[in-house]
């Protein structure tokens, strides 16, 4: 007896769908490899932050601001435009000027 109603079958994929699935799997594998390689550097970054806090050289807030400033410089952000946008947003978020 051949009863197809009780068998579970995988849907038939088109070649484009199958190719896309292979690319997704390849992407995930590559991403995992990169993230695994980055982990020692993440540990070093955590240790660096911890050392600076423990030594009392910088607070969390100071380190956070320093990193933001570094990323702004690295990204070649137009600081005048950033300030203008920040001013507009801060005014919109706090129209009464009360903090």
Protein backbone atom coordinates (compact mmCIF):
# COMPACT_ATOMS: atom_id res chain seq x y z
CA UNK A 1 0.00 0.00 0.00
CA UNK A 2 1.34 3.44 -0.87
CA UNK A 3 -0.30 6.02 1.38
CA UNK A 4 1.21 9.46 0.72
CA UNK A 5 -0.98 11.19 3.29
CA UNK A 6 1.06 9.90 6.25
CA UNK A 7 4.54 10.51 4.91
CA UNK A 8 6.30 13.72 5.60
CA UNK A 9 8.17 15.15 2.72
CA UNK A 10 10.29 18.21 2.33
CA UNK A 11 8.96 20.86 0.00
CA UNK A 12 10.68 20.88 -3.35
CA UNK A 13 12.98 23.88 -3.62
CA UNK A 14 13.72 25.68 -6.81
CA UNK A 15 17.37 25.92 -7.74
CA UNK A 16 17.32 29.62 -6.81
CA UNK A 17 15.90 28.84 -3.35
CA UNK A 18 18.41 26.04 -2.82
CA UNK A 19 21.25 28.35 -3.85
CA UNK A 20 19.97 31.03 -1.46
CA UNK A 21 19.90 28.49 1.39
CA UNK A 22 23.48 27.48 0.62
CA UNK A 23 24.52 31.16 0.69
CA UNK A 24 22.77 31.64 4.04
CA UNK A 25 24.58 28.63 5.52
CA UNK A 26 27.90 29.80 4.07
CA UNK A 27 27.32 33.31 5.45
CA UNK A 28 26.53 31.99 8.94
CA UNK A 29 29.62 29.78 8.94
CA UNK A 30 31.82 32.68 7.85
CA UNK A 31 30.25 34.99 10.43
CA UNK A 32 30.86 32.43 13.19
CA UNK A 33 34.51 32.07 12.13
CA UNK A 34 34.98 35.85 12.28
CA UNK A 35 33.21 36.18 15.63
CA UNK A 36 35.29 33.35 17.09
CA UNK A 37 38.47 35.09 15.89
CA UNK A 38 37.32 38.38 17.44
CA UNK A 39 36.65 36.92 20.90
CA UNK A 40 40.23 37.29 22.22
CA UNK A 41 40.16 40.96 21.21
CA UNK A 42 36.83 41.46 22.96
CA UNK A 43 38.40 39.93 26.09
CA UNK A 44 41.34 42.35 25.79
CA UNK A 45 38.93 45.29 25.46
CA UNK A 46 37.03 44.18 28.57
CA UNK A 47 40.29 43.81 30.50
CA UNK A 48 41.45 47.25 29.36
CA UNK A 49 38.23 48.89 30.55
CA UNK A 50 38.44 46.98 33.82
CA UNK A 51 42.07 48.03 34.38
CA UNK A 52 41.29 51.71 33.78
CA UNK A 53 38.33 51.59 36.18
CA UNK A 54 40.25 49.64 38.83
CA UNK A 55 43.21 52.02 38.67
CA UNK A 56 40.82 54.96 38.97
CA UNK A 57 42.17 56.51 35.77
CA UNK A 58 38.77 56.85 34.07
CA UNK A 59 35.14 56.31 35.01
CA UNK A 60 32.73 54.31 32.85
CA UNK A 61 31.19 57.57 31.67
CA UNK A 62 34.59 59.01 30.67
CA UNK A 63 35.49 55.85 28.75
CA UNK A 64 32.11 55.85 27.03
CA UNK A 65 32.50 59.47 25.94
CA UNK A 66 36.06 58.82 24.77
CA UNK A 67 34.92 55.87 22.63
CA UNK A 68 32.07 57.90 21.14
CA UNK A 69 34.46 60.73 20.31
CA UNK A 70 36.91 58.29 18.74
CA UNK A 71 34.19 56.74 16.60
CA UNK A 72 32.99 60.16 15.49
CA UNK A 73 36.53 61.13 14.46
CA UNK A 74 37.10 57.80 12.74
CA UNK A 75 33.84 58.13 10.81
CA UNK A 76 34.65 61.66 9.66
CA UNK A 77 31.35 62.95 11.02
CA UNK A 78 30.41 66.56 10.30
CA UNK A 79 30.41 67.81 13.90
CA UNK A 80 28.48 71.00 13.04
CA UNK A 81 25.69 68.96 11.47
CA UNK A 82 25.75 66.56 14.40
CA UNK A 83 25.47 69.43 16.89
CA UNK A 84 22.61 71.01 14.92
CA UNK A 85 20.74 67.70 14.83
CA UNK A 86 21.41 67.08 18.51
CA UNK A 87 20.09 70.55 19.36
CA UNK A 88 16.90 69.94 17.40
CA UNK A 89 16.38 66.53 18.99
CA UNK A 90 17.10 67.69 22.52
CA UNK A 91 14.69 70.62 22.09
CA UNK A 92 12.00 68.32 20.70
CA UNK A 93 12.51 65.82 23.51
CA UNK A 94 12.48 68.51 26.19
CA UNK A 95 10.48 71.53 24.89
CA UNK A 96 10.30 73.15 28.35
CA UNK A 97 14.07 73.11 28.77
CA UNK A 98 13.74 71.30 32.09
CA UNK A 99 16.19 68.49 32.82
